[in-house]
Amino acid sequence: MDLTSLSCLGSLQSASGHVLIKNSNVLGSANLTSLVSVDGYISFYGKIFMTEVLSSSLETVGDYFNLYNNDKMIVVSVPQLQNVGSHTIVYYHNKLKTLSFPLLTMVGGYFSVHDAHGFC
């Protein structure tokens, strides 16, 4: 059965490990509005068909932040994100129009946008 909503995570404020959303054919968006910190990584990976990732409270990711391989992704908005411990990757998003990290001041490794044909 495919995951259709992340509403069950609506009150999640922190994760001492990782957050991984992978291979959901029907999940339309990832709206993690209460999530402030992830000590490990946060990754949206595989053939997930989300049009948007919205995380209005996320400030810190201890390891990496990855968005990988989603042909439907249009908007990624993480307005409070300031620090990513390792790297940030945005790969293979052919329809991406908005990538917003306005407060991002530190990435411990590299920041890479690759094969996002609709972006910019």
C-alpha atoms as a PDB file:
ATOM      1  CA  MET A   1       0.000   0.000   0.000  1.00  0.00           C
ATOM      2  CA  ASP A   2       1.303   3.466  -0.944  1.00  0.00           C
ATOM      3  CA  LEU A   3       1.612   6.275   1.561  1.00  0.00           C
ATOM      4  CA  THR A   4      -0.864   9.024   0.614  1.00  0.00           C
ATOM      5  CA  SER A   5      -0.305  11.560   3.417  1.00  0.00           C
ATOM      6  CA  LEU A   6       2.251  12.598   6.026  1.00  0.00           C
ATOM      7  CA  SER A   7      -0.426  14.079   8.287  1.00  0.00           C
ATOM      8  CA  CYS A   8       0.455  11.515  10.965  1.00  0.00           C
ATOM      9  CA  LEU A   9       3.788  13.374  11.324  1.00  0.00           C
ATOM     10  CA  GLY A  10       2.156  16.790  11.755  1.00  0.00           C
ATOM     11  CA  SER A  11       3.357  17.187  15.356  1.00  0.00           C
ATOM     12  CA  LEU A  12       6.870  15.794  14.850  1.00  0.00           C
ATOM     13  CA  GLN A  13       9.362  18.431  16.051  1.00  0.00           C
ATOM     14  CA  SER A  14      12.672  16.569  15.976  1.00  0.00           C
ATOM     15  CA  ALA A  15      14.264  13.324  14.858  1.00  0.00           C
ATOM     16  CA  SER A  16      17.376  12.009  16.593  1.00  0.00           C
ATOM     17  CA  GLY A  17      17.977   9.720  13.617  1.00  0.00           C
ATOM     18  CA  HIS A  18      16.925  10.059   9.989  1.00  0.00           C
ATOM     19  CA  VAL A  19      13.817  11.000   7.997  1.00  0.00           C
ATOM     20  CA  LEU A  20      13.486   9.037   4.747  1.00  0.00           C
ATOM     21  CA  ILE A  21      10.535   9.198   2.357  1.00  0.00           C
ATOM     22  CA  LYS A  22      11.060   6.782  -0.516  1.00  0.00           C
ATOM     23  CA  ASN A  23       9.167   5.340  -3.488  1.00  0.00           C
ATOM     24  CA  SER A  24       5.581   6.474  -2.911  1.00  0.00           C
ATOM     25  CA  ASN A  25       3.528   6.658  -6.094  1.00  0.00           C
ATOM     26  CA  VAL A  26       0.662   8.694  -4.634  1.00  0.00           C
ATOM     27  CA  LEU A  27       2.106  11.008  -1.973  1.00  0.00           C
ATOM     28  CA  GLY A  28       1.331  14.496  -3.295  1.00  0.00           C
ATOM     29  CA  SER A  29       3.277  16.629  -0.819  1.00  0.00           C
ATOM     30  CA  ALA A  30       5.501  16.479   2.229  1.00  0.00           C
ATOM     31  CA  ASN A  31       4.286  19.139   4.594  1.00  0.00           C
ATOM     32  CA  LEU A  32       6.364  18.758   7.765  1.00  0.00           C
ATOM     33  CA  THR A  33       5.440  22.082   9.366  1.00  0.00           C
ATOM     34  CA  SER A  34       6.439  21.265  12.965  1.00  0.00           C
ATOM     35  CA  LEU A  35       9.791  19.608  12.234  1.00  0.00           C
ATOM     36  CA  VAL A  36      12.608  21.835  13.601  1.00  0.00           C
ATOM     37  CA  SER A  37      15.655  19.549  13.641  1.00  0.00           C
ATOM     38  CA  VAL A  38      16.912  16.261  12.250  1.00  0.00           C
ATOM     39  CA  ASP A  39      20.134  14.952  13.813  1.00  0.00           C
ATOM     40  CA  GLY A  40      20.770  12.532  10.953  1.00  0.00           C
ATOM     41  CA  TYR A  41      19.724  13.023   7.338  1.00  0.00           C
ATOM     42  CA  ILE A  42      16.488  13.959   5.636  1.00  0.00           C
ATOM     43  CA  SER A  43      15.936  12.426   2.226  1.00  0.00           C
ATOM     44  CA  PHE A  44      13.147  12.301  -0.323  1.00  0.00           C
ATOM     45  CA  TYR A  45      14.331   9.600  -2.658  1.00  0.00           C
ATOM     46  CA  GLY A  46      13.220   7.469  -5.560  1.00  0.00           C
ATOM     47  CA  LYS A  47      10.161   7.613  -7.736  1.00  0.00           C
ATOM     48  CA  ILE A  48       8.050   9.649  -5.364  1.00  0.00           C
ATOM     49  CA  PHE A  49       5.442  11.766  -7.074  1.00  0.00           C
ATOM     50  CA  MET A  50       5.294  14.779  -4.806  1.00  0.00           C
ATOM     51  CA  THR A  51       4.771  18.224  -6.253  1.00  0.00           C
ATOM     52  CA  GLU A  52       6.067  20.025  -3.170  1.00  0.00           C
ATOM     53  CA  VAL A  53       8.182  19.746  -0.032  1.00  0.00           C
ATOM     54  CA  LEU A  54       7.261  22.341   2.569  1.00  0.00           C
ATOM     55  CA  SER A  55       8.961  22.484   5.924  1.00  0.00           C
ATOM     56  CA  SER A  56       8.334  25.891   7.444  1.00  0.00           C
ATOM     57  CA  SER A  57      10.092  25.223  10.777  1.00  0.00           C
ATOM     58  CA  LEU A  58      13.133  23.092   9.857  1.00  0.00           C
ATOM     59  CA  GLU A  59      16.306  24.884  11.015  1.00  0.00           C
ATOM     60  CA  THR A  60      19.020  22.234  11.249  1.00  0.00           C
ATOM     61  CA  VAL A  61      19.933  18.950   9.572  1.00  0.00           C
ATOM     62  CA  GLY A  62      22.882  17.206  11.215  1.00  0.00           C
ATOM     63  CA  ASP A  63      23.924  15.121   8.218  1.00  0.00           C
ATOM     64  CA  TYR A  64      22.606  15.654   4.662  1.00  0.00           C
ATOM     65  CA  PHE A  65      19.479  16.975   2.923  1.00  0.00           C
ATOM     66  CA  ASN A  66      18.686  15.132  -0.321  1.00  0.00           C
ATOM     67  CA  LEU A  67      15.923  15.463  -2.872  1.00  0.00           C
ATOM     68  CA  TYR A  68      16.482  12.845  -5.513  1.00  0.00           C
ATOM     69  CA  ASN A  69      14.656  11.635  -8.634  1.00  0.00           C
ATOM     70  CA  ASN A  70      11.147  13.082  -8.715  1.00  0.00           C
ATOM     71  CA  ASP A  71       9.689  14.079 -12.093  1.00  0.00           C
ATOM     72  CA  LYS A  72       6.696  15.852 -10.498  1.00  0.00           C
ATOM     73  CA  MET A  73       8.480  18.123  -7.978  1.00  0.00           C
ATOM     74  CA  ILE A  74       7.671  21.808  -8.552  1.00  0.00           C
ATOM     75  CA  VAL A  75       8.303  23.540  -5.193  1.00  0.00           C
ATOM     76  CA  VAL A  76      10.860  22.998  -2.415  1.00  0.00           C
ATOM     77  CA  SER A  77      10.523  25.574   0.359  1.00  0.00           C
ATOM     78  CA  VAL A  78      12.450  25.351   3.627  1.00  0.00           C
ATOM     79  CA  PRO A  79      12.430  28.999   4.794  1.00  0.00           C
ATOM     80  CA  GLN A  80      14.020  28.511   8.248  1.00  0.00           C
ATOM     81  CA  LEU A  81      16.813  26.081   7.290  1.00  0.00           C
ATOM     82  CA  GLN A  82      20.154  27.524   8.406  1.00  0.00           C
ATOM     83  CA  ASN A  83      22.583  24.602   8.747  1.00  0.00           C
ATOM     84  CA  VAL A  84      23.199  21.319   6.946  1.00  0.00           C
ATOM     85  CA  GLY A  85      26.050  19.295   8.478  1.00  0.00           C
ATOM     86  CA  SER A  86      27.166  17.457   5.377  1.00  0.00           C
ATOM     87  CA  HIS A  87      25.748  18.163   1.908  1.00  0.00           C
ATOM     88  CA  THR A  88      22.624  19.157   0.034  1.00  0.00           C
ATOM     89  CA  ILE A  89      21.713  17.491  -3.249  1.00  0.00           C
ATOM     90  CA  VAL A  90      18.837  18.235  -5.604  1.00  0.00           C
ATOM     91  CA  TYR A  91      19.024  15.747  -8.485  1.00  0.00           C
ATOM     92  CA  TYR A  92      16.685  14.754 -11.329  1.00  0.00           C
ATOM     93  CA  HIS A  93      13.711  17.072 -10.897  1.00  0.00           C
ATOM     94  CA  ASN A  94      12.614  17.984 -14.426  1.00  0.00           C
ATOM     95  CA  LYS A  95       9.735  20.279 -13.398  1.00  0.00           C
ATOM     96  CA  LEU A  96      11.302  22.074 -10.426  1.00  0.00           C
ATOM     97  CA  LYS A  97      10.470  25.795 -10.506  1.00  0.00           C
ATOM     98  CA  THR A  98      11.133  26.947  -6.923  1.00  0.00           C
ATOM     99  CA  LEU A  99      13.999  25.996  -4.630  1.00  0.00           C
ATOM    100  CA  SER A 100      13.944  28.176  -1.526  1.00  0.00           C
ATOM    101  CA  PHE A 101      16.454  28.066   1.358  1.00  0.00           C
ATOM    102  CA  PRO A 102      16.603  31.841   2.157  1.00  0.00           C
ATOM    103  CA  LEU A 103      18.335  31.526   5.569  1.00  0.00           C
ATOM    104  CA  LEU A 104      20.805  28.763   4.673  1.00  0.00           C
ATOM    105  CA  THR A 105      24.199  29.967   5.906  1.00  0.00           C
ATOM    106  CA  MET A 106      26.207  26.746   6.335  1.00  0.00           C
ATOM    107  CA  VAL A 107      26.567  23.508   4.403  1.00  0.00           C
ATOM    108  CA  GLY A 108      29.345  21.307   5.813  1.00  0.00           C
ATOM    109  CA  GLY A 109      30.108  19.673   2.480  1.00  0.00           C
ATOM    110  CA  TYR A 110      28.734  20.621  -0.922  1.00  0.00           C
ATOM    111  CA  PHE A 111      25.504  22.009  -2.382  1.00  0.00           C
ATOM    112  CA  SER A 112      24.600  20.479  -5.737  1.00  0.00           C
ATOM    113  CA  VAL A 113      21.695  20.972  -8.131  1.00  0.00           C
ATOM    114  CA  HIS A 114      21.915  18.563 -11.045  1.00  0.00           C
ATOM    115  CA  ASP A 115      19.505  17.652 -13.873  1.00  0.00           C
ATOM    116  CA  ALA A 116      16.754  19.962 -12.642  1.00  0.00           C
ATOM    117  CA  HIS A 117      15.826  21.060 -16.162  1.00  0.00           C
ATOM    118  CA  GLY A 118      12.919  23.317 -15.221  1.00  0.00           C
ATOM    119  CA  PHE A 119      14.846  25.141 -12.495  1.00  0.00           C
ATOM    120  CA  CYS A 120      15.988  28.724 -13.064  1.00  0.00           C
END
